[in-house]
Amino acid sequence: MEEDFPTVEAVAISGDRIIYAGSHTPDSKYIGPSTRILHLEGKSMYPGFVESHVHIPGNAYNVLYNLDLSAAGTVDEILEAVRHFIEANPDKKEYFGRGFNGSLFPDEEKSLGPKKERLDEICRDKPIALSDFGGHIRWLNSEAFRKYGITADTEVEGGVIETDPRTGQLWGTIKEEARFLVPDPSFTHEEKKKAFLFMQSLLNKFGYTTIMGLRASASPDPLPMYPVIADLEKKGKLTMNIAGSREIKVGYDTDSQIKDLLKQKETYDSNLLNIHIAKFFVDGTVEAATAYLLSPYEPAAKQNPGYTGEVLWDRGALTYAMKEAMRHGLDIHVHAIGDGAVRFAVDALEEAQAVSQADPRNTITHLQLVSEEDKKRMADARIIGCVNPYWQYKDKNLYDTVELPFLGKDRAESEYPLASLLKAGMILTTAADHPITPEPNPFYAIQAGVTRNFNNPHDIKKYGMTDINDPAGLLGKEERVSVHEMLKTLTINGAYALRMEDQIGSIRPGKYADLIITEQDLYKQDPLCLCENRVLKVIFHGRELPL
């Protein structure tokens, strides 16, 4: 996966490192009486994949302890899943869950979010707090509003508390920073460990050996998993390199948050864990109508005329926070969905980088809408783009019901640039943003990047797709990229973004032996069938992992 290092026939590993990569020589000095030899027999080997933006511990808390709504495909299925969970868990004092899709709801609920009355009909005497699949909306019943003291008059910097446009009463959802008015449930160390191992197993099976880990807590506290990760590493059960992070939140003291991040780094940095990333949110999401746009939302979004969404930070405050983070040797990772948010983030990063760091490895992630001007600006500023190819087609649950009506045809058709970012000169990485993408299958990402169309066997079969130009799911075919470019985003580019390019990301002597063996050669597969590939073996730091 390096331009100057071509495909090789054989690789030798000693301990946790690659010591040879070249031609196949059976009587080589690298083969001794105790050497284990793996014959690929037509299969392919690649560097271990890098997941450049994942929320720890993924969806594990909901699968193991709370309510997982990611498989619910209709409003009735969502409500039935909530009802069943409450009936099956009568001893719980309150109910938490995640994964509902707001675009499935009718009329105003599509933009404002589902009503509290739907949950009240299921349970009135205990709080219910459910996050949408994107994690930017929380749906509450009346008892949850009461318990946490949230009223129609409550104000939160950077947050939205939706009210009925006719009565002014609470509607049922809280968005962005207002989500944190409801604290997450707490878990024991052993419960957290079980959840982390659940997520780690899932990611390893998909070929991931390195991740950039984000907090999973809906509170301003730092990532609660670091003690768990340290414990697992000591016991030899950590099977991923982890770049750790902490969100620097609007509305809280910036200096104390950066100080806390540095303390976490000092306490928990190790061989496999390196905490060096400060995460910022600039806006929300299109489905919540909280993404920040350069031009107003369409009337279908049910917002006031001229509404463009709101940027979460004051420009001066954001620039100061970025400068301080970079002054302390930290890298920046910015959530920006709308084209207005991307421009806002680029403005702040340009100013911060000008005075704070000679070798920036700062990233803007998601990039759902980006102006042509800002593509070039990001490349010139050496800003890395962490894209989400999993979403880069016309998803029938979102495109027709939310993105097209909220954004209008021109903007919706230009969503999720990919090839044009590369042409501008950007370095790109790939992320599923799990659990927002419940199944972080990297072959789905590769197929979407190559075809810009349906990327999984379920949708391909459901919509009868037989050609990559099938219009049903095709989104901007001019944004297609090659298999090689997609593989780079999952390997060497991901390593570069995490400052690990000298350790991982390509098959080169001296690097860690983080390798995967796949069933088929991605370069030779039919683009329609890339999603059917699978990982057969994963080698992490020289040892084969059980899958």
Protein backbone atom coordinates (compact mmCIF):
# COMPACT_ATOMS: atom_id res chain seq x y z
CA MET A 1 0.00 0.00 0.00
CA GLU A 2 2.94 2.32 -0.65
CA GLU A 3 3.51 3.75 -4.10
CA ASP A 4 7.15 2.62 -4.17
CA PHE A 5 6.50 -0.86 -2.81
CA PRO A 6 4.73 -3.25 -5.19
CA THR A 7 2.84 -6.48 -4.63
CA VAL A 8 5.05 -9.25 -3.23
CA GLU A 9 4.85 -13.04 -3.19
CA ALA A 10 6.05 -13.82 0.32
CA VAL A 11 6.22 -12.26 3.76
CA ALA A 12 8.27 -13.38 6.75
CA ILE A 13 7.40 -12.53 10.35
CA SER A 14 9.56 -12.81 13.44
CA GLY A 15 7.99 -11.95 16.77
CA ASP A 16 5.67 -9.00 16.21
CA ARG A 17 7.45 -7.57 13.16
CA ILE A 18 7.66 -8.10 9.43
CA ILE A 19 11.28 -8.99 8.58
CA TYR A 20 10.97 -9.79 4.88
CA ALA A 21 8.67 -9.02 1.96
CA GLY A 22 9.63 -10.12 -1.52
CA SER A 23 9.85 -13.10 -3.82
CA HIS A 24 8.94 -16.62 -2.78
CA THR A 25 12.08 -18.61 -1.96
CA PRO A 26 11.29 -21.92 -0.21
CA ASP A 27 14.87 -22.51 0.94
CA SER A 28 15.19 -18.98 2.22
CA LYS A 29 17.21 -18.26 5.35
CA TYR A 30 13.94 -17.19 6.93
CA ILE A 31 12.56 -20.74 6.96
CA GLY A 32 13.77 -22.95 9.79
CA PRO A 33 12.59 -26.16 11.49
CA SER A 34 10.12 -24.31 13.71
CA THR A 35 8.83 -21.89 11.06
CA ARG A 36 5.09 -21.99 10.46
CA ILE A 37 4.33 -21.62 6.76
CA LEU A 38 0.98 -20.37 5.50
CA HIS A 39 0.26 -20.99 1.82
CA LEU A 40 -2.31 -18.50 0.54
CA GLU A 41 -3.42 -20.84 -2.26
CA GLY A 42 -4.78 -18.04 -4.41
CA LYS A 43 -6.07 -15.90 -1.55
CA SER A 44 -4.77 -12.41 -0.84
CA MET A 45 -2.99 -10.69 2.02
CA TYR A 46 -3.33 -7.02 2.90
CA PRO A 47 -2.23 -4.82 5.80
CA GLY A 48 -4.62 -4.90 8.74
CA PHE A 49 -7.43 -2.41 8.25
CA VAL A 50 -7.63 0.93 10.08
CA GLU A 51 -11.05 2.11 11.30
CA SER A 52 -10.55 5.85 11.54
CA HIS A 53 -13.57 6.84 13.66
CA VAL A 54 -15.39 4.38 15.92
CA HIS A 55 -17.32 4.94 19.13
CA ILE A 56 -16.16 2.66 21.92
CA PRO A 57 -17.68 0.16 22.73
CA GLY A 58 -19.75 0.38 19.57
CA ASN A 59 -23.28 -0.92 19.98
CA ALA A 60 -22.30 -3.36 22.72
CA TYR A 61 -24.05 -1.62 25.62
CA ASN A 62 -27.34 -1.74 23.76
CA VAL A 63 -26.94 -5.32 22.54
CA LEU A 64 -25.84 -6.62 25.95
CA TYR A 65 -27.66 -4.45 28.48
CA ASN A 66 -30.04 -1.95 26.89
CA LEU A 67 -32.34 -1.79 23.86
CA ASP A 68 -30.93 -2.18 20.35
CA LEU A 69 -33.26 -0.71 17.71
CA SER A 70 -30.88 -0.85 14.75
CA ALA A 71 -32.81 -3.68 13.04
CA ALA A 72 -36.25 -2.03 13.33
CA GLY A 73 -37.38 -1.05 9.83
CA THR A 74 -40.80 0.51 10.52
CA VAL A 75 -42.43 2.65 13.19
CA ASP A 76 -44.46 -0.35 14.35
CA GLU A 77 -41.30 -2.44 14.68
CA ILE A 78 -39.64 0.30 16.73
CA LEU A 79 -42.60 0.59 19.10
CA GLU A 80 -42.98 -3.17 19.40
CA ALA A 81 -39.29 -3.56 20.25
CA VAL A 82 -39.61 -0.91 22.97
CA ARG A 83 -42.74 -2.57 24.37
CA HIS A 84 -41.18 -6.03 24.37
CA PHE A 85 -37.98 -4.82 26.07
CA ILE A 86 -39.90 -3.09 28.86
CA GLU A 87 -42.10 -6.13 29.41
CA ALA A 88 -39.04 -8.38 29.51
CA ASN A 89 -37.20 -6.12 31.97
CA PRO A 90 -39.79 -5.05 34.58
CA ASP A 91 -37.17 -4.48 37.28
CA LYS A 92 -35.29 -1.73 35.48
CA LYS A 93 -35.87 1.72 36.92
CA GLU A 94 -35.39 3.45 33.56
CA TYR A 95 -34.92 2.34 29.98
CA PHE A 96 -32.17 3.28 27.56
CA GLY A 97 -31.54 2.29 23.96
CA ARG A 98 -30.26 3.36 20.59
CA GLY A 99 -30.76 2.91 16.88
CA PHE A 100 -34.18 4.21 15.83
CA ASN A 101 -34.41 5.80 12.40
CA GLY A 102 -36.31 9.09 12.58
CA SER A 103 -36.92 9.16 8.84
CA LEU A 104 -39.44 6.32 9.26
CA PHE A 105 -41.86 8.55 11.15
CA PRO A 106 -44.55 10.54 9.33
CA ASP A 107 -45.12 14.26 8.78
CA GLU A 108 -43.58 16.63 11.34
CA GLU A 109 -42.03 13.75 13.26
CA LYS A 110 -39.62 13.32 10.36
CA SER A 111 -37.99 16.68 11.13
CA LEU A 112 -38.83 17.34 14.79
CA GLY A 113 -38.42 13.71 15.83
CA PRO A 114 -40.95 11.23 17.23
CA LYS A 115 -43.47 12.44 19.79
CA LYS A 116 -43.24 11.67 23.49
CA GLU A 117 -46.83 10.40 23.46
CA ARG A 118 -45.77 7.33 21.49
CA LEU A 119 -43.56 6.27 24.39
CA ASP A 120 -46.09 7.38 27.01
CA GLU A 121 -48.54 4.86 25.60
CA ILE A 122 -46.02 2.12 26.33
CA CYS A 123 -44.75 3.28 29.73
CA ARG A 124 -45.78 6.30 31.79
CA ASP A 125 -44.23 5.67 35.20
CA LYS A 126 -40.56 5.07 34.29
CA PRO A 127 -38.21 7.20 32.17
CA ILE A 128 -37.41 6.13 28.61
CA ALA A 129 -34.48 7.70 26.73
CA LEU A 130 -33.70 6.41 23.24
CA SER A 131 -30.98 7.73 20.91
CA ASP A 132 -31.43 7.71 17.15
CA PHE A 133 -29.00 5.75 14.97
CA GLY A 134 -26.82 8.84 14.49
CA GLY A 135 -26.62 9.61 18.20
CA HIS A 136 -27.62 13.28 17.79
CA ILE A 137 -31.27 12.95 18.84
CA ARG A 138 -32.76 11.62 22.07
CA TRP A 139 -36.40 10.62 22.22
CA LEU A 140 -37.95 10.83 25.68
CA ASN A 141 -41.24 9.99 27.29
CA SER A 142 -42.95 12.45 29.63
CA GLU A 143 -41.51 10.81 32.74
CA ALA A 144 -37.97 11.29 31.44
CA PHE A 145 -38.62 14.98 30.85
CA ARG A 146 -39.99 15.24 34.38
CA LYS A 147 -37.19 13.30 36.09
CA TYR A 148 -34.42 15.29 34.45
CA GLY A 149 -36.12 18.65 34.86
CA ILE A 150 -36.36 19.43 31.16
CA THR A 151 -39.07 21.92 30.22
CA ALA A 152 -39.98 23.87 27.11
CA ASP A 153 -38.09 26.82 28.62
CA THR A 154 -34.84 24.95 29.30
CA GLU A 155 -31.92 26.41 27.38
CA VAL A 156 -28.66 24.63 26.55
CA GLU A 157 -25.79 26.19 24.63
CA GLY A 158 -25.48 24.31 21.35
CA GLY A 159 -28.59 22.26 22.07
CA VAL A 160 -32.17 22.01 20.82
CA ILE A 161 -35.27 21.06 22.82
CA GLU A 162 -38.04 20.55 20.29
CA THR A 163 -41.46 21.98 21.08
CA ASP A 164 -44.84 21.70 19.38
CA PRO A 165 -45.00 24.58 16.85
CA ARG A 166 -48.68 25.12 17.70
CA THR A 167 -48.80 24.78 21.49
CA GLY A 168 -45.21 25.46 22.54
CA GLN A 169 -45.26 22.32 24.69
CA LEU A 170 -42.52 19.71 24.77
CA TRP A 171 -42.56 17.61 21.61
CA GLY A 172 -40.52 14.58 22.61
CA THR A 173 -36.93 15.03 21.44
CA ILE A 174 -33.77 16.77 22.55
CA LYS A 175 -30.88 17.27 20.14
CA GLU A 176 -27.15 17.96 20.07
CA GLU A 177 -25.83 19.37 23.39
CA ALA A 178 -29.28 19.08 25.00
CA ARG A 179 -28.82 15.29 24.86
CA PHE A 180 -26.50 15.53 27.81
CA LEU A 181 -29.32 16.67 30.10
CA VAL A 182 -30.04 12.95 30.37
CA PRO A 183 -27.06 11.08 31.87
CA ASP A 184 -26.07 7.73 30.43
CA PRO A 185 -26.58 4.59 32.51
CA SER A 186 -23.55 3.51 34.51
CA PHE A 187 -21.80 0.16 34.14
CA THR A 188 -19.36 -1.78 36.29
CA HIS A 189 -15.78 -2.39 35.23
CA GLU A 190 -16.64 -5.99 34.33
CA GLU A 191 -19.67 -4.91 32.29
CA LYS A 192 -17.53 -2.40 30.42
CA LYS A 193 -14.90 -5.07 29.79
CA LYS A 194 -17.50 -7.45 28.38
CA ALA A 195 -18.82 -4.69 26.13
CA PHE A 196 -15.36 -3.75 24.88
CA LEU A 197 -14.48 -7.37 24.11
CA PHE A 198 -17.78 -7.70 22.23
CA MET A 199 -16.86 -4.72 20.03
CA GLN A 200 -13.23 -5.80 19.64
CA SER A 201 -14.29 -9.24 18.43
CA LEU A 202 -16.64 -7.69 15.87
CA LEU A 203 -13.97 -5.36 14.50
CA ASN A 204 -11.26 -8.04 14.43
CA LYS A 205 -13.55 -10.33 12.41
CA PHE A 206 -13.82 -7.59 9.80
CA GLY A 207 -10.04 -7.27 9.60
CA TYR A 208 -9.51 -4.18 11.76
CA THR A 209 -6.28 -4.15 13.73
CA THR A 210 -6.18 -0.39 14.45
CA ILE A 211 -8.90 2.06 15.44
CA MET A 212 -9.34 5.70 16.30
CA GLY A 213 -11.56 5.39 19.35
CA LEU A 214 -14.08 7.99 20.44
CA ARG A 215 -16.00 8.13 23.69
CA ALA A 216 -19.36 6.41 23.87
CA SER A 217 -20.72 8.37 26.80
CA ALA A 218 -23.42 11.02 26.38
CA SER A 219 -21.81 13.09 29.12
CA PRO A 220 -18.99 15.63 29.20
CA ASP A 221 -16.75 13.13 30.97
CA PRO A 222 -13.74 11.61 29.19
CA LEU A 223 -13.86 8.19 27.59
CA PRO A 224 -14.72 5.74 30.41
CA MET A 225 -12.99 2.82 28.69
CA TYR A 226 -9.32 3.67 29.28
CA PRO A 227 -9.04 1.72 32.58
CA VAL A 228 -10.70 -1.25 30.86
CA ILE A 229 -8.35 -1.04 27.86
CA ALA A 230 -5.32 -0.82 30.17
CA ASP A 231 -6.54 -3.85 32.11
CA LEU A 232 -7.01 -5.90 28.94
CA GLU A 233 -3.61 -4.94 27.57
CA LYS A 234 -1.90 -6.08 30.78
CA LYS A 235 -3.65 -9.43 30.42
CA GLY A 236 -2.70 -9.80 26.75
CA LYS A 237 -6.31 -9.51 25.59
CA LEU A 238 -6.09 -6.25 23.66
CA THR A 239 -5.92 -7.10 19.96
CA MET A 240 -5.99 -3.64 18.39
CA ASN A 241 -3.83 -0.56 18.24
CA ILE A 242 -5.94 2.29 19.60
CA ALA A 243 -5.56 6.01 19.03
CA GLY A 244 -7.48 7.52 21.93
CA SER A 245 -9.40 10.78 22.08
CA ARG A 246 -11.53 13.04 24.21
CA GLU A 247 -14.20 15.45 23.10
CA ILE A 248 -13.60 19.10 23.87
CA LYS A 249 -17.14 20.26 24.45
CA VAL A 250 -18.71 23.64 23.91
CA GLY A 251 -20.07 25.22 27.08
CA TYR A 252 -17.36 23.80 29.34
CA ASP A 253 -13.97 25.25 30.26
CA THR A 254 -11.60 24.52 27.39
CA ASP A 255 -8.37 24.62 29.37
CA SER A 256 -9.58 22.16 32.00
CA GLN A 257 -10.82 19.75 29.31
CA ILE A 258 -7.47 19.81 27.50
CA LYS A 259 -5.71 19.37 30.82
CA ASP A 260 -7.89 16.34 31.51
CA LEU A 261 -7.06 14.86 28.09
CA LEU A 262 -3.36 15.28 28.77
CA LYS A 263 -3.80 13.64 32.17
CA GLN A 264 -5.53 10.68 30.52
CA LYS A 265 -2.62 10.47 28.10
CA GLU A 266 -0.05 10.54 30.89
CA THR A 267 -1.95 7.89 32.86
CA TYR A 268 -2.91 5.41 30.16
CA ASP A 269 -0.57 5.73 27.16
CA SER A 270 1.04 2.36 26.44
CA ASN A 271 2.37 0.20 23.64
CA LEU A 272 -1.09 -0.30 22.10
CA LEU A 273 -2.90 2.83 23.30
CA ASN A 274 -1.85 6.35 22.33
CA ILE A 275 -4.18 9.15 23.46
CA HIS A 276 -3.51 12.20 21.30
CA ILE A 277 -6.72 13.41 19.65
CA ALA A 278 -9.07 16.24 20.59
CA LYS A 279 -12.56 15.83 19.08
CA PHE A 280 -14.82 18.77 18.24
CA PHE A 281 -18.42 18.94 17.02
CA VAL A 282 -19.17 21.92 14.77
CA ASP A 283 -22.72 20.97 13.80
CA GLY A 284 -25.29 18.18 13.97
CA THR A 285 -26.93 16.08 11.25
CA VAL A 286 -29.20 16.63 8.26
CA GLU A 287 -31.82 14.21 9.61
CA ALA A 288 -32.03 16.24 12.83
CA ALA A 289 -32.06 19.48 10.78
CA THR A 290 -29.07 20.57 12.87
CA ALA A 291 -26.38 20.36 10.18
CA TYR A 292 -25.03 23.86 9.43
CA LEU A 293 -25.55 24.80 5.77
CA LEU A 294 -24.36 27.65 3.57
CA SER A 295 -27.91 28.04 2.20
CA PRO A 296 -31.25 27.50 3.97
CA TYR A 297 -33.00 24.17 4.40
CA GLU A 298 -35.95 23.42 2.14
CA PRO A 299 -39.49 23.97 3.55
CA ALA A 300 -39.90 20.20 4.06
CA ALA A 301 -37.51 20.44 7.02
CA LYS A 302 -40.29 22.36 8.89
CA GLN A 303 -37.96 25.11 10.05
CA ASN A 304 -38.33 28.88 10.00
CA PRO A 305 -37.72 30.58 6.64
CA GLY A 306 -34.02 31.19 6.04
CA TYR A 307 -32.97 28.57 8.61
CA THR A 308 -29.49 27.17 7.87
CA GLY A 309 -28.91 25.24 11.07
CA GLU A 310 -26.64 26.51 13.78
CA VAL A 311 -22.92 26.20 14.28
CA LEU A 312 -22.24 24.89 17.78
CA TRP A 313 -19.13 26.92 18.57
CA ASP A 314 -18.22 30.58 18.62
CA ARG A 315 -15.51 31.01 16.01
CA GLY A 316 -13.02 32.63 18.37
CA ALA A 317 -13.60 30.03 21.06
CA LEU A 318 -13.12 27.16 18.61
CA THR A 319 -9.92 28.60 17.18
CA TYR A 320 -8.55 29.14 20.69
CA ALA A 321 -9.39 25.56 21.69
CA MET A 322 -7.72 24.15 18.57
CA LYS A 323 -4.62 26.26 19.07
CA GLU A 324 -4.32 25.14 22.69
CA ALA A 325 -4.81 21.49 21.80
CA MET A 326 -2.18 21.66 19.07
CA ARG A 327 0.20 23.62 21.30
CA HIS A 328 0.16 20.60 23.62
CA GLY A 329 0.95 18.21 20.77
CA LEU A 330 -2.59 16.98 20.20
CA ASP A 331 -4.24 16.33 16.85
CA ILE A 332 -7.70 17.64 15.94
CA HIS A 333 -10.69 15.62 14.73
CA VAL A 334 -13.73 17.68 13.71
CA HIS A 335 -17.30 16.55 13.05
CA ALA A 336 -18.68 18.64 10.18
CA ILE A 337 -21.72 17.52 8.15
CA GLY A 338 -23.02 20.63 6.38
CA ASP A 339 -21.08 22.76 3.91
CA GLY A 340 -21.37 25.70 6.32
CA ALA A 341 -19.85 23.61 9.11
CA VAL A 342 -17.03 22.43 6.85
CA ARG A 343 -16.16 26.03 5.95
CA PHE A 344 -16.33 27.05 9.61
CA ALA A 345 -14.00 24.19 10.56
CA VAL A 346 -11.55 24.96 7.75
CA ASP A 347 -11.44 28.63 8.77
CA ALA A 348 -10.59 27.68 12.35
CA LEU A 349 -8.05 25.01 11.40
CA GLU A 350 -6.26 27.26 8.93
CA GLU A 351 -5.78 29.89 11.61
CA ALA A 352 -4.81 27.39 14.30
CA GLN A 353 -2.33 25.52 12.09
CA ALA A 354 -0.66 28.73 11.02
CA VAL A 355 0.74 29.28 14.50
CA SER A 356 0.65 25.94 16.28
CA GLN A 357 2.06 22.98 14.37
CA ALA A 358 4.56 22.27 11.58
CA ASP A 359 3.31 18.77 10.75
CA PRO A 360 -0.48 18.85 11.10
CA ARG A 361 -2.45 15.60 11.04
CA ASN A 362 -5.82 17.22 11.62
CA THR A 363 -9.01 15.66 10.27
CA ILE A 364 -12.49 16.75 9.30
CA THR A 365 -14.90 13.85 9.31
CA HIS A 366 -18.21 13.09 7.53
CA LEU A 367 -18.05 15.87 4.89
CA GLN A 368 -21.60 15.26 3.70
CA LEU A 369 -21.74 18.59 1.86
CA VAL A 370 -18.61 20.45 0.78
CA SER A 371 -18.30 23.48 -1.50
CA GLU A 372 -15.83 23.28 -4.39
CA GLU A 373 -13.85 26.14 -2.87
CA ASP A 374 -13.39 24.34 0.43
CA LYS A 375 -12.20 21.08 -1.17
CA LYS A 376 -9.14 22.92 -2.46
CA ARG A 377 -8.70 24.82 0.80
CA MET A 378 -8.65 21.58 2.80
CA ALA A 379 -6.05 20.07 0.48
CA ASP A 380 -3.87 23.18 0.63
CA ALA A 381 -4.08 23.19 4.43
CA ARG A 382 -3.16 19.46 4.53
CA ILE A 383 -6.41 18.67 6.31
CA ILE A 384 -7.24 14.96 6.21
CA GLY A 385 -10.75 13.89 5.22
CA CYS A 386 -12.28 10.99 7.15
CA VAL A 387 -15.10 9.90 4.86
CA ASN A 388 -17.94 7.42 5.40
CA PRO A 389 -18.35 5.46 2.16
CA TYR A 390 -20.93 3.23 3.83
CA TRP A 391 -23.41 6.10 3.40
CA GLN A 392 -22.38 7.17 -0.10
CA TYR A 393 -25.36 5.93 -2.09
CA LYS A 394 -29.09 6.63 -2.15
CA ASP A 395 -30.16 4.85 1.01
CA LYS A 396 -33.90 4.31 0.63
CA ASN A 397 -34.52 4.95 4.34
CA LEU A 398 -32.86 8.38 4.21
CA TYR A 399 -32.34 9.80 0.75
CA ASP A 400 -35.94 10.01 -0.52
CA THR A 401 -37.50 10.78 2.87
CA VAL A 402 -35.00 13.21 4.44
CA GLU A 403 -31.98 14.22 2.38
CA LEU A 404 -33.76 15.04 -0.89
CA PRO A 405 -36.70 16.96 0.68
CA PHE A 406 -34.57 18.72 3.32
CA LEU A 407 -31.73 19.72 0.99
CA GLY A 408 -33.29 19.91 -2.47
CA LYS A 409 -32.17 18.03 -5.57
CA ASP A 410 -28.93 19.90 -6.34
CA ARG A 411 -27.46 19.52 -2.86
CA ALA A 412 -28.74 15.99 -2.34
CA GLU A 413 -27.24 14.85 -5.64
CA SER A 414 -23.84 16.27 -4.65
CA GLU A 415 -23.71 14.69 -1.19
CA TYR A 416 -20.69 12.79 0.08
CA PRO A 417 -17.93 13.83 -2.35
CA LEU A 418 -15.16 11.29 -2.74
CA ALA A 419 -13.23 11.36 -6.04
CA SER A 420 -13.37 15.16 -6.12
CA LEU A 421 -11.69 15.31 -2.70
CA LEU A 422 -8.87 13.12 -4.00
CA LYS A 423 -8.58 15.22 -7.16
CA ALA A 424 -8.26 18.33 -5.01
CA GLY A 425 -5.24 16.67 -3.36
CA MET A 426 -6.66 15.49 -0.04
CA ILE A 427 -5.55 12.43 1.91
CA LEU A 428 -8.64 10.39 2.78
CA THR A 429 -9.36 7.79 5.43
CA THR A 430 -12.43 5.60 5.86
CA ALA A 431 -14.73 5.06 8.84
CA ALA A 432 -18.03 3.35 9.51
CA ASP A 433 -18.65 5.60 12.52
CA HIS A 434 -19.85 2.44 14.28
CA PRO A 435 -22.40 2.06 15.84
CA ILE A 436 -24.00 4.61 13.49
CA THR A 437 -23.21 2.01 10.84
CA PRO A 438 -24.27 -1.12 12.77
CA GLU A 439 -22.29 -3.50 10.53
CA PRO A 440 -18.84 -1.96 9.94
CA ASN A 441 -17.96 -4.33 7.09
CA PRO A 442 -15.02 -2.75 5.21
CA PHE A 443 -15.96 -4.52 1.99
CA TYR A 444 -19.26 -2.62 2.03
CA ALA A 445 -17.23 0.59 2.20
CA ILE A 446 -14.98 -0.47 -0.66
CA GLN A 447 -17.94 -1.40 -2.86
CA ALA A 448 -19.74 1.87 -2.16
CA GLY A 449 -16.62 3.88 -2.97
CA VAL A 450 -16.09 2.00 -6.22
CA THR A 451 -19.73 1.91 -7.38
CA ARG A 452 -21.48 4.75 -5.47
CA ASN A 453 -24.43 2.39 -5.35
CA PHE A 454 -26.02 -0.24 -3.11
CA ASN A 455 -23.18 -1.80 -1.18
CA ASN A 456 -24.53 -4.85 0.63
CA PRO A 457 -26.10 -8.17 -0.43
CA HIS A 458 -29.43 -7.37 1.24
CA ASP A 459 -30.09 -4.16 -0.74
CA ILE A 460 -28.62 -5.56 -3.95
CA LYS A 461 -31.11 -8.43 -3.78
CA LYS A 462 -34.01 -6.30 -2.54
CA TYR A 463 -33.75 -3.77 -5.35
CA GLY A 464 -32.67 -6.25 -8.03
CA MET A 465 -29.42 -4.46 -8.78
CA THR A 466 -27.54 -6.13 -11.65
CA ASP A 467 -25.43 -3.20 -12.84
CA ILE A 468 -23.39 -0.62 -10.97
CA ASN A 469 -25.21 2.08 -12.95
CA ASP A 470 -28.63 1.04 -11.64
CA PRO A 471 -30.29 4.43 -10.95
CA ALA A 472 -32.17 3.25 -7.84
CA GLY A 473 -29.20 3.67 -5.55
CA LEU A 474 -26.68 5.55 -7.70
CA LEU A 475 -25.32 8.72 -6.09
CA GLY A 476 -22.91 10.79 -8.16
CA LYS A 477 -21.07 8.24 -10.28
CA GLU A 478 -18.47 10.90 -11.07
CA GLU A 479 -17.36 10.49 -7.44
CA ARG A 480 -16.33 6.85 -7.93
CA VAL A 481 -12.78 5.85 -7.01
CA SER A 482 -10.67 2.75 -7.61
CA VAL A 483 -10.30 -0.30 -5.39
CA HIS A 484 -6.71 0.75 -4.78
CA GLU A 485 -7.70 4.21 -3.55
CA MET A 486 -10.29 2.66 -1.23
CA LEU A 487 -7.73 0.23 0.15
CA LYS A 488 -5.35 3.11 0.81
CA THR A 489 -8.01 4.86 2.90
CA LEU A 490 -8.31 1.70 5.00
CA THR A 491 -4.57 1.09 5.40
CA ILE A 492 -1.65 3.47 4.81
CA ASN A 493 -3.77 6.65 4.85
CA GLY A 494 -5.41 5.63 8.11
CA ALA A 495 -1.97 4.94 9.55
CA TYR A 496 -0.74 8.36 8.41
CA ALA A 497 -3.69 10.15 10.00
CA LEU A 498 -2.90 8.50 13.34
CA ARG A 499 0.87 9.16 13.05
CA MET A 500 1.51 5.43 12.75
CA GLU A 501 2.72 5.20 9.14
CA ASP A 502 6.14 4.00 10.32
CA GLN A 503 4.54 1.16 12.29
CA ILE A 504 1.51 -0.09 10.34
CA GLY A 505 -0.47 0.40 7.12
CA SER A 506 1.70 -1.43 4.61
CA ILE A 507 3.60 -4.69 4.29
CA ARG A 508 7.15 -3.47 4.79
CA PRO A 509 10.01 -4.93 6.84
CA GLY A 510 10.30 -3.27 10.22
CA LYS A 511 6.58 -2.61 10.59
CA TYR A 512 4.27 -4.49 12.91
CA ALA A 513 2.97 -7.76 11.49
CA ASP A 514 -0.65 -6.61 11.35
CA LEU A 515 -2.02 -8.51 8.38
CA ILE A 516 -5.24 -9.98 7.05
CA ILE A 517 -5.96 -12.76 4.57
CA THR A 518 -9.07 -12.37 2.44
CA GLU A 519 -11.02 -14.95 0.52
CA GLN A 520 -10.72 -13.13 -2.80
CA ASP A 521 -8.41 -10.67 -4.51
CA LEU A 522 -10.17 -7.32 -4.29
CA TYR A 523 -8.39 -6.05 -7.40
CA LYS A 524 -9.86 -8.85 -9.51
CA GLN A 525 -13.43 -8.95 -8.15
CA ASP A 526 -16.52 -7.82 -10.00
CA PRO A 527 -17.41 -4.42 -8.45
CA LEU A 528 -20.92 -5.77 -7.76
CA CYS A 529 -19.44 -8.57 -5.66
CA LEU A 530 -16.85 -6.72 -3.56
CA CYS A 531 -19.25 -6.77 -0.62
CA GLU A 532 -19.21 -10.59 -0.65
CA ASN A 533 -15.51 -10.83 0.19
CA ARG A 534 -14.59 -11.86 3.72
CA VAL A 535 -11.64 -11.99 6.05
CA LEU A 536 -10.32 -15.51 6.69
CA LYS A 537 -7.41 -14.79 9.02
CA VAL A 538 -6.22 -11.84 11.07
CA ILE A 539 -2.64 -11.55 12.32
CA PHE A 540 -2.05 -8.90 14.96
CA HIS A 541 1.49 -8.10 16.03
CA GLY A 542 2.59 -11.46 14.67
CA ARG A 543 -0.02 -13.71 16.27
CA GLU A 544 -3.07 -15.15 14.61
CA LEU A 545 -6.32 -14.12 16.28
CA PRO A 546 -9.26 -16.46 16.85
CA LEU A 547 -12.18 -15.36 14.68
